[in-house]
Protein backbone atom coordinates (compact mmCIF):
# COMPACT_ATOMS: atom_id res chain seq x y z
CA UNK A 1 0.00 0.00 0.00
CA UNK A 2 1.20 3.52 -0.81
CA UNK A 3 0.37 6.46 1.45
CA UNK A 4 0.90 10.17 0.86
CA UNK A 5 2.50 11.50 4.03
CA UNK A 6 1.19 15.06 3.50
CA UNK A 7 -2.49 14.16 2.90
CA UNK A 8 -2.48 10.82 4.77
CA UNK A 9 -4.49 9.36 1.88
CA UNK A 10 -3.81 5.94 0.36
CA UNK A 11 -3.38 5.33 -3.37
CA UNK A 12 -6.20 3.24 -4.90
CA UNK A 13 -6.90 2.19 -8.49
CA UNK A 14 -10.41 2.66 -9.85
CA UNK A 15 -10.99 0.51 -12.93
CA UNK A 16 -14.55 1.80 -13.12
CA UNK A 17 -13.30 5.26 -14.17
CA UNK A 18 -11.72 5.24 -17.62
CA UNK A 19 -9.30 7.98 -18.70
CA UNK A 20 -10.51 9.95 -21.71
CA UNK A 21 -8.48 9.92 -24.95
CA UNK A 22 -6.43 6.91 -23.91
CA UNK A 23 -6.81 3.51 -25.55
CA UNK A 24 -6.97 1.69 -22.23
CA UNK A 25 -6.42 3.77 -19.12
CA UNK A 26 -8.02 3.90 -15.71
CA UNK A 27 -7.79 6.48 -12.97
CA UNK A 28 -5.82 6.29 -9.77
CA UNK A 29 -6.98 8.34 -6.81
CA UNK A 30 -6.34 8.82 -3.14
CA UNK A 31 -8.59 8.02 -0.21
CA UNK A 32 -9.61 10.81 2.13
CA UNK A 33 -7.22 11.81 4.89
CA UNK A 34 -7.28 9.37 7.76
CA UNK A 35 -9.25 6.72 5.85
CA UNK A 36 -7.25 3.53 5.68
CA UNK A 37 -8.94 1.13 3.26
CA UNK A 38 -6.69 -1.68 4.43
CA UNK A 39 -5.12 -4.11 2.00
CA UNK A 40 -7.67 -4.86 -0.70
CA UNK A 41 -7.43 -5.64 -4.40
CA UNK A 42 -7.51 -2.00 -5.56
CA UNK A 43 -5.14 -0.59 -2.91
CA UNK A 44 -2.21 -3.04 -3.23
CA UNK A 45 0.59 -2.35 -5.73
CA UNK A 46 3.86 -4.09 -6.59
CA UNK A 47 7.29 -2.53 -7.14
CA UNK A 48 8.83 -4.25 -10.18
CA UNK A 49 12.44 -3.62 -11.17
CA UNK A 50 13.10 -2.47 -14.72
CA UNK A 51 15.36 -4.65 -16.83
CA UNK A 52 18.88 -3.23 -16.93
CA UNK A 53 21.73 -5.18 -18.57
CA UNK A 54 24.37 -3.11 -16.71
CA UNK A 55 22.88 -3.80 -13.28
CA UNK A 56 25.27 -4.85 -10.55
CA UNK A 57 22.83 -7.40 -9.05
CA UNK A 58 20.90 -8.83 -12.04
CA UNK A 59 19.45 -11.90 -10.27
CA UNK A 60 18.64 -10.07 -7.06
CA UNK A 61 14.98 -9.75 -6.08
CA UNK A 62 15.55 -6.64 -3.95
CA UNK A 63 14.89 -3.08 -5.08
CA UNK A 64 17.88 -0.88 -4.32
CA UNK A 65 18.26 2.89 -4.11
CA UNK A 66 18.58 4.45 -7.57
CA UNK A 67 17.12 1.52 -9.51
CA UNK A 68 14.30 2.19 -11.95
CA UNK A 69 11.01 0.58 -10.93
CA UNK A 70 7.43 0.35 -12.14
CA UNK A 71 4.34 0.50 -9.93
CA UNK A 72 2.14 -2.38 -11.07
CA UNK A 73 -1.46 -2.90 -9.99
CA UNK A 74 -2.49 -6.00 -8.12
CA UNK A 75 -2.67 -8.85 -10.71
CA UNK A 76 -6.07 -9.90 -9.32
CA UNK A 77 -7.60 -6.50 -10.17
CA UNK A 78 -7.83 -6.87 -13.94
CA UNK A 79 -7.30 -9.45 -16.69
CA UNK A 80 -4.26 -7.53 -18.01
CA UNK A 81 -1.19 -6.17 -16.26
CA UNK A 82 -1.77 -2.52 -15.37
CA UNK A 83 0.95 -0.11 -14.34
CA UNK A 84 0.91 3.49 -13.17
CA UNK A 85 1.86 6.16 -15.69
CA UNK A 86 1.87 9.93 -15.41
CA UNK A 87 1.40 12.71 -17.94
PDB file of N, CA and C in Angstrom:
ATOM      1  N   UNK A   1       0.844  -1.175   0.000  1.00  0.00           N
ATOM      2  CA  UNK A   1       0.000   0.000   0.000  1.00  0.00           C
ATOM      3  C   UNK A   1       0.889   1.237   0.000  1.00  0.00           C
ATOM      4  N   UNK A   2       0.421   2.287  -0.672  1.00  0.00           N
ATOM      5  CA  UNK A   2       1.197   3.521  -0.805  1.00  0.00           C
ATOM      6  C   UNK A   2       0.394   4.657  -0.179  1.00  0.00           C
ATOM      7  N   UNK A   3       1.041   5.361   0.750  1.00  0.00           N
ATOM      8  CA  UNK A   3       0.375   6.456   1.445  1.00  0.00           C
ATOM      9  C   UNK A   3       1.109   7.765   1.201  1.00  0.00           C
ATOM     10  N   UNK A   4       0.346   8.841   0.981  1.00  0.00           N
ATOM     11  CA  UNK A   4       0.903  10.174   0.861  1.00  0.00           C
ATOM     12  C   UNK A   4       1.041  10.733   2.267  1.00  0.00           C
ATOM     13  N   UNK A   5       2.255  11.045   2.670  1.00  0.00           N
ATOM     14  CA  UNK A   5       2.500  11.502   4.030  1.00  0.00           C
ATOM     15  C   UNK A   5       1.837  12.854   4.302  1.00  0.00           C
ATOM     16  N   UNK A   6       1.770  13.728   3.304  1.00  0.00           N
ATOM     17  CA  UNK A   6       1.193  15.060   3.497  1.00  0.00           C
ATOM     18  C   UNK A   6      -0.323  15.002   3.674  1.00  0.00           C
ATOM     19  N   UNK A   7      -1.024  14.206   2.841  1.00  0.00           N
ATOM     20  CA  UNK A   7      -2.486  14.157   2.903  1.00  0.00           C
ATOM     21  C   UNK A   7      -3.004  12.985   3.726  1.00  0.00           C
ATOM     22  N   UNK A   8      -2.131  12.045   4.036  1.00  0.00           N
ATOM     23  CA  UNK A   8      -2.476  10.822   4.769  1.00  0.00           C
ATOM     24  C   UNK A   8      -3.477   9.945   4.015  1.00  0.00           C
ATOM     25  N   UNK A   9      -3.620  10.184   2.709  1.00  0.00           N
ATOM     26  CA  UNK A   9      -4.494   9.363   1.881  1.00  0.00           C
ATOM     27  C   UNK A   9      -3.710   8.200   1.287  1.00  0.00           C
ATOM     28  N   UNK A  10      -4.420   7.124   0.961  1.00  0.00           N
ATOM     29  CA  UNK A  10      -3.807   5.942   0.358  1.00  0.00           C
ATOM     30  C   UNK A  10      -4.150   5.893  -1.125  1.00  0.00           C
ATOM     31  N   UNK A  11      -3.192   5.447  -1.934  1.00  0.00           N
ATOM     32  CA  UNK A  11      -3.383   5.328  -3.375  1.00  0.00           C
ATOM     33  C   UNK A  11      -4.278   4.121  -3.668  1.00  0.00           C
ATOM     34  N   UNK A  12      -5.307   4.331  -4.489  1.00  0.00           N
ATOM     35  CA  UNK A  12      -6.198   3.242  -4.900  1.00  0.00           C
ATOM     36  C   UNK A  12      -6.442   3.351  -6.399  1.00  0.00           C
ATOM     37  N   UNK A  13      -6.636   2.215  -7.057  1.00  0.00           N
ATOM     38  CA  UNK A  13      -6.897   2.185  -8.489  1.00  0.00           C
ATOM     39  C   UNK A  13      -8.392   1.962  -8.704  1.00  0.00           C
ATOM     40  N   UNK A  14      -8.978   2.756  -9.590  1.00  0.00           N
ATOM     41  CA  UNK A  14     -10.411   2.661  -9.854  1.00  0.00           C
ATOM     42  C   UNK A  14     -10.630   2.257 -11.302  1.00  0.00           C
ATOM     43  N   UNK A  15     -10.814   0.960 -11.547  1.00  0.00           N
ATOM     44  CA  UNK A  15     -10.986   0.513 -12.929  1.00  0.00           C
ATOM     45  C   UNK A  15     -12.375   0.829 -13.473  1.00  0.00           C
ATOM     46  N   UNK A  16     -13.238   1.372 -12.650  1.00  0.00           N
ATOM     47  CA  UNK A  16     -14.550   1.801 -13.117  1.00  0.00           C
ATOM     48  C   UNK A  16     -14.515   3.165 -13.778  1.00  0.00           C
ATOM     49  N   UNK A  17     -13.435   3.908 -13.589  1.00  0.00           N
ATOM     50  CA  UNK A  17     -13.299   5.256 -14.165  1.00  0.00           C
ATOM     51  C   UNK A  17     -12.227   5.234 -15.247  1.00  0.00           C
ATOM     52  N   UNK A  18     -12.663   5.260 -16.493  1.00  0.00           N
ATOM     53  CA  UNK A  18     -11.719   5.238 -17.625  1.00  0.00           C
ATOM     54  C   UNK A  18     -11.178   6.633 -17.880  1.00  0.00           C
ATOM     55  N   UNK A  19      -9.943   6.705 -18.346  1.00  0.00           N
ATOM     56  CA  UNK A  19      -9.303   7.977 -18.695  1.00  0.00           C
ATOM     57  C   UNK A  19      -9.660   8.308 -20.139  1.00  0.00           C
ATOM     58  N   UNK A  20     -10.115   9.525 -20.363  1.00  0.00           N
ATOM     59  CA  UNK A  20     -10.513   9.951 -21.709  1.00  0.00           C
ATOM     60  C   UNK A  20      -9.300  10.068 -22.625  1.00  0.00           C
ATOM     61  N   UNK A  21      -9.498   9.792 -23.903  1.00  0.00           N
ATOM     62  CA  UNK A  21      -8.480   9.924 -24.953  1.00  0.00           C
ATOM     63  C   UNK A  21      -7.288   8.988 -24.775  1.00  0.00           C
ATOM     64  N   UNK A  22      -7.469   7.913 -24.068  1.00  0.00           N
ATOM     65  CA  UNK A  22      -6.427   6.907 -23.905  1.00  0.00           C
ATOM     66  C   UNK A  22      -7.035   5.571 -24.298  1.00  0.00           C
ATOM     67  N   UNK A  23      -6.281   4.781 -25.066  1.00  0.00           N
ATOM     68  CA  UNK A  23      -6.814   3.508 -25.552  1.00  0.00           C
ATOM     69  C   UNK A  23      -7.343   2.651 -24.406  1.00  0.00           C
ATOM     70  N   UNK A  24      -6.526   2.441 -23.401  1.00  0.00           N
ATOM     71  CA  UNK A  24      -6.972   1.689 -22.230  1.00  0.00           C
ATOM     72  C   UNK A  24      -6.280   2.266 -21.005  1.00  0.00           C
ATOM     73  N   UNK A  25      -6.973   3.139 -20.303  1.00  0.00           N
ATOM     74  CA  UNK A  25      -6.423   3.774 -19.123  1.00  0.00           C
ATOM     75  C   UNK A  25      -7.490   3.937 -18.064  1.00  0.00           C
ATOM     76  N   UNK A  26      -7.097   3.807 -16.829  1.00  0.00           N
ATOM     77  CA  UNK A  26      -8.020   3.898 -15.706  1.00  0.00           C
ATOM     78  C   UNK A  26      -7.440   4.857 -14.684  1.00  0.00           C
ATOM     79  N   UNK A  27      -8.287   5.469 -13.893  1.00  0.00           N
ATOM     80  CA  UNK A  27      -7.787   6.484 -12.973  1.00  0.00           C
ATOM     81  C   UNK A  27      -7.270   5.875 -11.673  1.00  0.00           C
ATOM     82  N   UNK A  28      -6.372   6.613 -11.083  1.00  0.00           N
ATOM     83  CA  UNK A  28      -5.823   6.288  -9.775  1.00  0.00           C
ATOM     84  C   UNK A  28      -6.145   7.480  -8.897  1.00  0.00           C
ATOM     85  N   UNK A  29      -6.628   7.235  -7.699  1.00  0.00           N
ATOM     86  CA  UNK A  29      -6.982   8.339  -6.813  1.00  0.00           C
ATOM     87  C   UNK A  29      -6.481   8.049  -5.410  1.00  0.00           C
ATOM     88  N   UNK A  30      -6.764   8.957  -4.529  1.00  0.00           N
ATOM     89  CA  UNK A  30      -6.337   8.824  -3.140  1.00  0.00           C
ATOM     90  C   UNK A  30      -7.569   8.799  -2.249  1.00  0.00           C
ATOM     91  N   UNK A  31      -7.499   8.029  -1.182  1.00  0.00           N
ATOM     92  CA  UNK A  31      -8.592   8.016  -0.214  1.00  0.00           C
ATOM     93  C   UNK A  31      -8.543   9.315   0.572  1.00  0.00           C
ATOM     94  N   UNK A  32      -9.591   9.615   1.294  1.00  0.00           N
ATOM     95  CA  UNK A  32      -9.613  10.812   2.128  1.00  0.00           C
ATOM     96  C   UNK A  32      -8.629  10.670   3.277  1.00  0.00           C
ATOM     97  N   UNK A  33      -8.186  11.805   3.791  1.00  0.00           N
ATOM     98  CA  UNK A  33      -7.223  11.808   4.893  1.00  0.00           C
ATOM     99  C   UNK A  33      -7.757  11.001   6.070  1.00  0.00           C
ATOM    100  N   UNK A  34      -6.909  10.157   6.593  1.00  0.00           N
ATOM    101  CA  UNK A  34      -7.278   9.367   7.763  1.00  0.00           C
ATOM    102  C   UNK A  34      -8.037   8.092   7.445  1.00  0.00           C
ATOM    103  N   UNK A  35      -8.541   7.946   6.222  1.00  0.00           N
ATOM    104  CA  UNK A  35      -9.254   6.723   5.848  1.00  0.00           C
ATOM    105  C   UNK A  35      -8.251   5.691   5.365  1.00  0.00           C
ATOM    106  N   UNK A  36      -8.130   4.613   6.085  1.00  0.00           N
ATOM    107  CA  UNK A  36      -7.245   3.533   5.678  1.00  0.00           C
ATOM    108  C   UNK A  36      -8.113   2.405   5.143  1.00  0.00           C
ATOM    109  N   UNK A  37      -8.089   2.174   3.819  1.00  0.00           N
ATOM    110  CA  UNK A  37      -8.943   1.128   3.256  1.00  0.00           C
ATOM    111  C   UNK A  37      -8.465  -0.269   3.630  1.00  0.00           C
ATOM    112  N   UNK A  38      -7.254  -0.368   4.147  1.00  0.00           N
ATOM    113  CA  UNK A  38      -6.689  -1.680   4.434  1.00  0.00           C
ATOM    114  C   UNK A  38      -6.281  -2.344   3.136  1.00  0.00           C
ATOM    115  N   UNK A  39      -5.538  -3.437   3.230  1.00  0.00           N
ATOM    116  CA  UNK A  39      -5.124  -4.114   2.002  1.00  0.00           C
ATOM    117  C   UNK A  39      -6.309  -4.761   1.301  1.00  0.00           C
ATOM    118  N   UNK A  40      -6.617  -4.275   0.129  1.00  0.00           N
ATOM    119  CA  UNK A  40      -7.669  -4.862  -0.701  1.00  0.00           C
ATOM    120  C   UNK A  40      -7.178  -4.838  -2.141  1.00  0.00           C
ATOM    121  N   UNK A  41      -7.880  -5.472  -3.016  1.00  0.00           N
ATOM    122  CA  UNK A  41      -7.435  -5.637  -4.397  1.00  0.00           C
ATOM    123  C   UNK A  41      -7.033  -4.330  -5.048  1.00  0.00           C
ATOM    124  N   UNK A  42      -7.793  -3.260  -4.870  1.00  0.00           N
ATOM    125  CA  UNK A  42      -7.506  -2.002  -5.562  1.00  0.00           C
ATOM    126  C   UNK A  42      -6.519  -1.097  -4.845  1.00  0.00           C
ATOM    127  N   UNK A  43      -6.071  -1.457  -3.635  1.00  0.00           N
ATOM    128  CA  UNK A  43      -5.139  -0.593  -2.911  1.00  0.00           C
ATOM    129  C   UNK A  43      -3.746  -1.207  -2.744  1.00  0.00           C
ATOM    130  N   UNK A  44      -3.508  -2.381  -3.349  1.00  0.00           N
ATOM    131  CA  UNK A  44      -2.211  -3.044  -3.231  1.00  0.00           C
ATOM    132  C   UNK A  44      -1.489  -2.957  -4.573  1.00  0.00           C
ATOM    133  N   UNK A  45      -0.230  -2.500  -4.536  1.00  0.00           N
ATOM    134  CA  UNK A  45       0.595  -2.353  -5.729  1.00  0.00           C
ATOM    135  C   UNK A  45       1.896  -3.112  -5.530  1.00  0.00           C
ATOM    136  N   UNK A  46       2.566  -3.412  -6.633  1.00  0.00           N
ATOM    137  CA  UNK A  46       3.862  -4.090  -6.590  1.00  0.00           C
ATOM    138  C   UNK A  46       4.935  -3.167  -7.159  1.00  0.00           C
ATOM    139  N   UNK A  47       6.119  -3.199  -6.568  1.00  0.00           N
ATOM    140  CA  UNK A  47       7.291  -2.534  -7.135  1.00  0.00           C
ATOM    141  C   UNK A  47       8.019  -3.566  -7.975  1.00  0.00           C
ATOM    142  N   UNK A  48       8.180  -3.304  -9.265  1.00  0.00           N
ATOM    143  CA  UNK A  48       8.835  -4.245 -10.177  1.00  0.00           C
ATOM    144  C   UNK A  48      10.060  -3.560 -10.760  1.00  0.00           C
ATOM    145  N   UNK A  49      11.208  -4.201 -10.637  1.00  0.00           N
ATOM    146  CA  UNK A  49      12.440  -3.624 -11.174  1.00  0.00           C
ATOM    147  C   UNK A  49      12.413  -3.633 -12.696  1.00  0.00           C
ATOM    148  N   UNK A  50      12.934  -2.546 -13.277  1.00  0.00           N
ATOM    149  CA  UNK A  50      13.096  -2.468 -14.725  1.00  0.00           C
ATOM    150  C   UNK A  50      14.295  -3.307 -15.134  1.00  0.00           C
ATOM    151  N   UNK A  51      14.227  -3.888 -16.310  1.00  0.00           N
ATOM    152  CA  UNK A  51      15.358  -4.649 -16.835  1.00  0.00           C
ATOM    153  C   UNK A  51      16.505  -3.694 -17.134  1.00  0.00           C
ATOM    154  N   UNK A  52      17.710  -4.049 -16.698  1.00  0.00           N
ATOM    155  CA  UNK A  52      18.883  -3.230 -16.932  1.00  0.00           C
ATOM    156  C   UNK A  52      20.082  -4.158 -17.114  1.00  0.00           C
ATOM    157  N   UNK A  53      20.618  -4.266 -18.326  1.00  0.00           N
ATOM    158  CA  UNK A  53      21.734  -5.184 -18.566  1.00  0.00           C
ATOM    159  C   UNK A  53      23.006  -4.809 -17.808  1.00  0.00           C
ATOM    160  N   UNK A  54      23.167  -3.554 -17.414  1.00  0.00           N
ATOM    161  CA  UNK A  54      24.368  -3.112 -16.709  1.00  0.00           C
ATOM    162  C   UNK A  54      24.205  -3.160 -15.190  1.00  0.00           C
ATOM    163  N   UNK A  55      23.141  -3.776 -14.717  1.00  0.00           N
ATOM    164  CA  UNK A  55      22.881  -3.804 -13.282  1.00  0.00           C
ATOM    165  C   UNK A  55      23.914  -4.643 -12.531  1.00  0.00           C
ATOM    166  N   UNK A  56      24.258  -4.175 -11.350  1.00  0.00           N
ATOM    167  CA  UNK A  56      25.269  -4.847 -10.550  1.00  0.00           C
ATOM    168  C   UNK A  56      24.739  -6.162  -9.943  1.00  0.00           C
ATOM    169  N   UNK A  57      23.444  -6.218  -9.655  1.00  0.00           N
ATOM    170  CA  UNK A  57      22.831  -7.404  -9.050  1.00  0.00           C
ATOM    171  C   UNK A  57      21.682  -7.893  -9.933  1.00  0.00           C
ATOM    172  N   UNK A  58      21.969  -8.494 -11.089  1.00  0.00           N
ATOM    173  CA  UNK A  58      20.900  -8.830 -12.042  1.00  0.00           C
ATOM    174  C   UNK A  58      19.918  -9.885 -11.543  1.00  0.00           C
ATOM    175  N   UNK A  59      20.346 -10.828 -10.729  1.00  0.00           N
ATOM    176  CA  UNK A  59      19.452 -11.902 -10.269  1.00  0.00           C
ATOM    177  C   UNK A  59      18.906 -11.644  -8.877  1.00  0.00           C
ATOM    178  N   UNK A  60      19.072 -10.445  -8.389  1.00  0.00           N
ATOM    179  CA  UNK A  60      18.640 -10.067  -7.056  1.00  0.00           C
ATOM    180  C   UNK A  60      17.170  -9.675  -7.089  1.00  0.00           C
ATOM    181  N   UNK A  61      16.394 -10.093  -6.117  1.00  0.00           N
ATOM    182  CA  UNK A  61      14.976  -9.751  -6.080  1.00  0.00           C
ATOM    183  C   UNK A  61      14.705  -8.445  -5.345  1.00  0.00           C
ATOM    184  N   UNK A  62      15.726  -7.845  -4.746  1.00  0.00           N
ATOM    185  CA  UNK A  62      15.549  -6.637  -3.950  1.00  0.00           C
ATOM    186  C   UNK A  62      15.603  -5.390  -4.815  1.00  0.00           C
ATOM    187  N   UNK A  63      14.847  -4.382  -4.424  1.00  0.00           N
ATOM    188  CA  UNK A  63      14.892  -3.077  -5.076  1.00  0.00           C
ATOM    189  C   UNK A  63      15.878  -2.232  -4.283  1.00  0.00           C
ATOM    190  N   UNK A  64      16.843  -1.669  -4.972  1.00  0.00           N
ATOM    191  CA  UNK A  64      17.880  -0.876  -4.318  1.00  0.00           C
ATOM    192  C   UNK A  64      17.757   0.597  -4.716  1.00  0.00           C
ATOM    193  N   UNK A  65      18.297   1.447  -3.876  1.00  0.00           N
ATOM    194  CA  UNK A  65      18.265   2.886  -4.114  1.00  0.00           C
ATOM    195  C   UNK A  65      18.837   3.207  -5.489  1.00  0.00           C
ATOM    196  N   UNK A  66      18.120   4.024  -6.260  1.00  0.00           N
ATOM    197  CA  UNK A  66      18.583   4.453  -7.573  1.00  0.00           C
ATOM    198  C   UNK A  66      18.128   3.573  -8.722  1.00  0.00           C
ATOM    199  N   UNK A  67      17.591   2.393  -8.436  1.00  0.00           N
ATOM    200  CA  UNK A  67      17.118   1.521  -9.512  1.00  0.00           C
ATOM    201  C   UNK A  67      15.788   2.035 -10.058  1.00  0.00           C
ATOM    202  N   UNK A  68      15.572   1.820 -11.334  1.00  0.00           N
ATOM    203  CA  UNK A  68      14.303   2.193 -11.948  1.00  0.00           C
ATOM    204  C   UNK A  68      13.286   1.092 -11.660  1.00  0.00           C
ATOM    205  N   UNK A  69      12.077   1.525 -11.263  1.00  0.00           N
ATOM    206  CA  UNK A  69      11.014   0.581 -10.933  1.00  0.00           C
ATOM    207  C   UNK A  69       9.710   1.010 -11.594  1.00  0.00           C
ATOM    208  N   UNK A  70       8.787   0.085 -11.676  1.00  0.00           N
ATOM    209  CA  UNK A  70       7.430   0.353 -12.139  1.00  0.00           C
ATOM    210  C   UNK A  70       6.474   0.045 -10.987  1.00  0.00           C
ATOM    211  N   UNK A  71       5.402   0.807 -10.881  1.00  0.00           N
ATOM    212  CA  UNK A  71       4.339   0.497  -9.932  1.00  0.00           C
ATOM    213  C   UNK A  71       3.274  -0.264 -10.714  1.00  0.00           C
ATOM    214  N   UNK A  72       3.067  -1.507 -10.345  1.00  0.00           N
ATOM    215  CA  UNK A  72       2.144  -2.376 -11.065  1.00  0.00           C
ATOM    216  C   UNK A  72       0.949  -2.679 -10.168  1.00  0.00           C
ATOM    217  N   UNK A  73      -0.246  -2.614 -10.747  1.00  0.00           N
ATOM    218  CA  UNK A  73      -1.460  -2.900  -9.986  1.00  0.00           C
ATOM    219  C   UNK A  73      -1.510  -4.375  -9.601  1.00  0.00           C
ATOM    220  N   UNK A  74      -2.272  -4.643  -8.588  1.00  0.00           N
ATOM    221  CA  UNK A  74      -2.485  -6.003  -8.122  1.00  0.00           C
ATOM    222  C   UNK A  74      -2.945  -6.871  -9.302  1.00  0.00           C
ATOM    223  N   UNK A  75      -2.302  -8.022  -9.552  1.00  0.00           N
ATOM    224  CA  UNK A  75      -2.671  -8.845 -10.710  1.00  0.00           C
ATOM    225  C   UNK A  75      -4.092  -9.413 -10.627  1.00  0.00           C
ATOM    226  N   UNK A  76      -4.707  -9.402  -9.469  1.00  0.00           N
ATOM    227  CA  UNK A  76      -6.074  -9.905  -9.318  1.00  0.00           C
ATOM    228  C   UNK A  76      -7.124  -8.838  -9.626  1.00  0.00           C
ATOM    229  N   UNK A  77      -6.682  -7.608  -9.921  1.00  0.00           N
ATOM    230  CA  UNK A  77      -7.599  -6.505 -10.170  1.00  0.00           C
ATOM    231  C   UNK A  77      -8.201  -6.548 -11.568  1.00  0.00           C
ATOM    232  N   UNK A  78      -7.397  -6.962 -12.548  1.00  0.00           N
ATOM    233  CA  UNK A  78      -7.828  -6.869 -13.941  1.00  0.00           C
ATOM    234  C   UNK A  78      -7.214  -8.010 -14.731  1.00  0.00           C
ATOM    235  N   UNK A  79      -7.773  -8.327 -15.879  1.00  0.00           N
ATOM    236  CA  UNK A  79      -7.299  -9.449 -16.687  1.00  0.00           C
ATOM    237  C   UNK A  79      -5.954  -9.186 -17.351  1.00  0.00           C
ATOM    238  N   UNK A  80      -5.552  -7.909 -17.434  1.00  0.00           N
ATOM    239  CA  UNK A  80      -4.262  -7.528 -18.012  1.00  0.00           C
ATOM    240  C   UNK A  80      -3.410  -6.898 -16.924  1.00  0.00           C
ATOM    241  N   UNK A  81      -2.102  -6.861 -17.182  1.00  0.00           N
ATOM    242  CA  UNK A  81      -1.193  -6.174 -16.259  1.00  0.00           C
ATOM    243  C   UNK A  81      -1.366  -4.665 -16.431  1.00  0.00           C
ATOM    244  N   UNK A  82      -1.619  -3.964 -15.337  1.00  0.00           N
ATOM    245  CA  UNK A  82      -1.774  -2.519 -15.368  1.00  0.00           C
ATOM    246  C   UNK A  82      -0.658  -1.888 -14.550  1.00  0.00           C
ATOM    247  N   UNK A  83      -0.090  -0.805 -15.076  1.00  0.00           N
ATOM    248  CA  UNK A  83       0.954  -0.111 -14.338  1.00  0.00           C
ATOM    249  C   UNK A  83       0.625   1.370 -14.306  1.00  0.00           C
ATOM    250  N   UNK A  84       1.196   2.061 -13.334  1.00  0.00           N
ATOM    251  CA  UNK A  84       0.908   3.487 -13.171  1.00  0.00           C
ATOM    252  C   UNK A  84       1.784   4.284 -14.127  1.00  0.00           C
ATOM    253  N   UNK A  85       1.146   5.240 -14.797  1.00  0.00           N
ATOM    254  CA  UNK A  85       1.857   6.158 -15.692  1.00  0.00           C
ATOM    255  C   UNK A  85       1.382   7.566 -15.357  1.00  0.00           C
ATOM    256  N   UNK A  86       2.196   8.544 -15.702  1.00  0.00           N
ATOM    257  CA  UNK A  86       1.866   9.927 -15.414  1.00  0.00           C
ATOM    258  C   UNK A  86       2.075  10.769 -16.662  1.00  0.00           C
ATOM    259  N   UNK A  87       1.265  11.802 -16.804  1.00  0.00           N
ATOM    260  CA  UNK A  87       1.405  12.713 -17.943  1.00  0.00           C
ATOM    261  C   UNK A  87       1.602  14.119 -17.427  1.00  0.00           C
TER     262      UNK A  87
END
